[in-house]
Protein backbone atom coordinates (compact mmCIF):
# COMPACT_ATOMS: atom_id res chain seq x y z
CA MET A 1 -5.13 -9.55 4.14
CA ALA A 2 -4.32 -12.13 6.76
CA ILE A 3 -4.28 -9.70 9.71
CA ALA A 4 -7.26 -7.65 8.55
CA ASP A 5 -10.55 -7.65 10.39
CA PRO A 6 -13.21 -5.61 8.58
CA HIS A 7 -14.99 -4.94 11.87
CA ALA A 8 -11.92 -3.78 13.82
CA LYS A 9 -11.56 -0.14 14.79
CA GLY A 10 -9.34 1.95 17.04
CA ASN A 11 -6.07 0.20 17.87
CA TYR A 12 -6.32 -1.80 14.65
CA ILE A 13 -5.44 1.29 12.61
CA LEU A 14 -2.43 1.93 14.84
CA SER A 15 -1.33 -1.67 14.30
CA VAL A 16 -1.67 -1.29 10.54
CA LYS A 17 0.32 1.93 10.52
CA THR A 18 3.18 0.58 12.62
CA THR A 19 3.29 -2.80 10.88
CA ILE A 20 2.61 -2.02 7.23
CA ILE A 21 3.80 1.53 6.57
CA GLY A 22 7.48 1.44 5.68
CA SER A 23 7.50 -2.29 5.12
CA LYS A 24 9.27 -3.72 2.12
CA VAL A 25 7.05 -5.22 -0.55
CA LEU A 26 7.78 -8.44 -2.39
CA ASN A 27 5.85 -10.52 -4.86
CA PRO A 28 5.31 -14.23 -4.11
CA GLY A 29 8.49 -15.04 -6.08
CA GLY A 30 10.55 -12.89 -3.70
CA GLU A 31 11.19 -10.07 -6.19
CA PRO A 32 11.35 -6.65 -4.48
CA LEU A 33 8.57 -4.28 -5.53
CA GLY A 34 9.27 -1.30 -3.28
CA LYS A 35 7.76 -0.24 0.02
CA ILE A 36 4.44 0.80 1.49
CA GLU A 37 4.50 4.56 2.01
CA ASP A 38 1.00 5.21 3.28
CA ILE A 39 -2.50 3.86 3.69
CA ILE A 40 -5.82 5.34 2.61
CA ILE A 41 -8.78 5.01 4.95
CA ASP A 42 -12.32 5.26 3.63
CA PHE A 43 -13.93 7.31 6.37
CA ARG A 44 -17.41 6.45 5.12
CA ASN A 45 -17.01 2.99 6.61
CA ASP A 46 -13.80 3.34 8.68
CA LEU A 47 -11.94 0.68 6.69
CA VAL A 48 -8.51 0.71 5.12
CA ALA A 49 -9.17 0.95 1.38
CA TYR A 50 -5.70 1.13 -0.21
CA ALA A 51 -2.01 0.98 0.52
CA ILE A 52 0.30 3.31 -1.40
CA LEU A 53 3.16 1.38 -2.98
CA SER A 54 6.33 3.25 -3.91
CA PHE A 55 8.03 1.46 -6.80
CA GLY A 56 11.34 2.15 -8.56
CA GLY A 57 13.52 5.21 -8.26
CA ALA A 58 16.19 5.85 -5.67
CA PHE A 59 16.13 8.00 -2.55
CA GLY A 60 12.55 9.07 -3.33
CA LEU A 61 13.44 10.36 -6.80
CA GLY A 62 11.92 8.90 -9.93
CA ASP A 63 9.66 6.49 -8.11
CA LYS A 64 6.09 5.78 -9.13
CA HIS A 65 3.24 5.29 -6.73
CA PHE A 66 0.32 2.91 -6.98
CA ALA A 67 -2.84 2.64 -4.90
CA ILE A 68 -3.08 -1.08 -4.18
CA PRO A 69 -6.47 -2.37 -3.02
CA TRP A 70 -6.26 -3.50 0.59
CA SER A 71 -8.03 -6.75 -0.28
CA VAL A 72 -5.05 -8.03 -2.34
CA ILE A 73 -2.38 -7.30 0.25
CA GLN A 74 -0.92 -9.97 2.50
CA TYR A 75 1.47 -9.39 5.37
CA ASN A 76 4.18 -11.96 6.10
CA ARG A 77 4.73 -11.68 9.85
CA THR A 78 7.74 -14.00 9.82
CA ASP A 79 9.68 -11.94 7.26
CA GLN A 80 7.99 -8.66 8.26
CA CYS A 81 7.18 -7.75 4.69
CA THR A 82 4.12 -7.07 2.57
CA VAL A 83 3.33 -9.46 -0.28
CA ILE A 84 1.48 -8.41 -3.43
CA ASP A 85 0.95 -10.84 -6.30
CA ILE A 86 2.18 -8.76 -9.26
CA ASP A 87 5.24 -8.88 -11.50
CA GLN A 88 7.92 -6.18 -11.45
CA ASP A 89 7.55 -5.72 -15.21
CA ARG A 90 3.86 -4.98 -14.91
CA LEU A 91 4.55 -2.19 -12.40
CA ALA A 92 7.48 -0.89 -14.44
CA ASN A 93 5.23 -0.51 -17.49
CA ALA A 94 2.14 0.75 -15.70
CA PRO A 95 1.35 4.43 -15.21
CA GLY A 96 1.67 5.43 -11.59
CA PHE A 97 1.07 8.77 -9.93
CA GLU A 98 3.14 11.32 -8.07
CA LYS A 99 2.61 11.11 -4.33
CA ARG A 100 2.37 14.89 -3.98
CA LYS A 101 -0.77 14.77 -6.16
CA LEU A 102 -2.47 12.21 -3.91
CA ALA A 103 -3.73 14.78 -1.41
CA GLY A 104 -5.99 16.36 -4.02
CA TYR A 105 -7.81 13.15 -4.95
CA GLY A 106 -9.82 12.50 -1.80
CA ARG A 107 -12.34 15.30 -1.74
CA GLN A 108 -13.51 14.92 -5.31
CA TYR A 109 -14.09 11.19 -4.99
CA LEU A 110 -15.48 10.97 -1.47
CA GLY A 111 -18.20 13.53 -2.14
């Protein structure tokens, strides 16, 4: 990601949260993909690991969520949007997860 610094701590996380969370997401062709609803921090190394993309649905109903690796995310400061290089059709046909189930994943995978 263009604004990411793998060694940054502290205020960097605040910047990520206020800049990225809630931002619209487009692919490089300008197609809307949804919005970033949350970020996942790997507390073993204090780095942002994933952004949670909400795709499809309306008013929070029927949408799918995807954990997008932080390394593939770009932020367009001019347009104030997140850019992910993936087609709408690929997301539409991919299995996502329900956001309410996300809270239960962390403990079993972080040991």
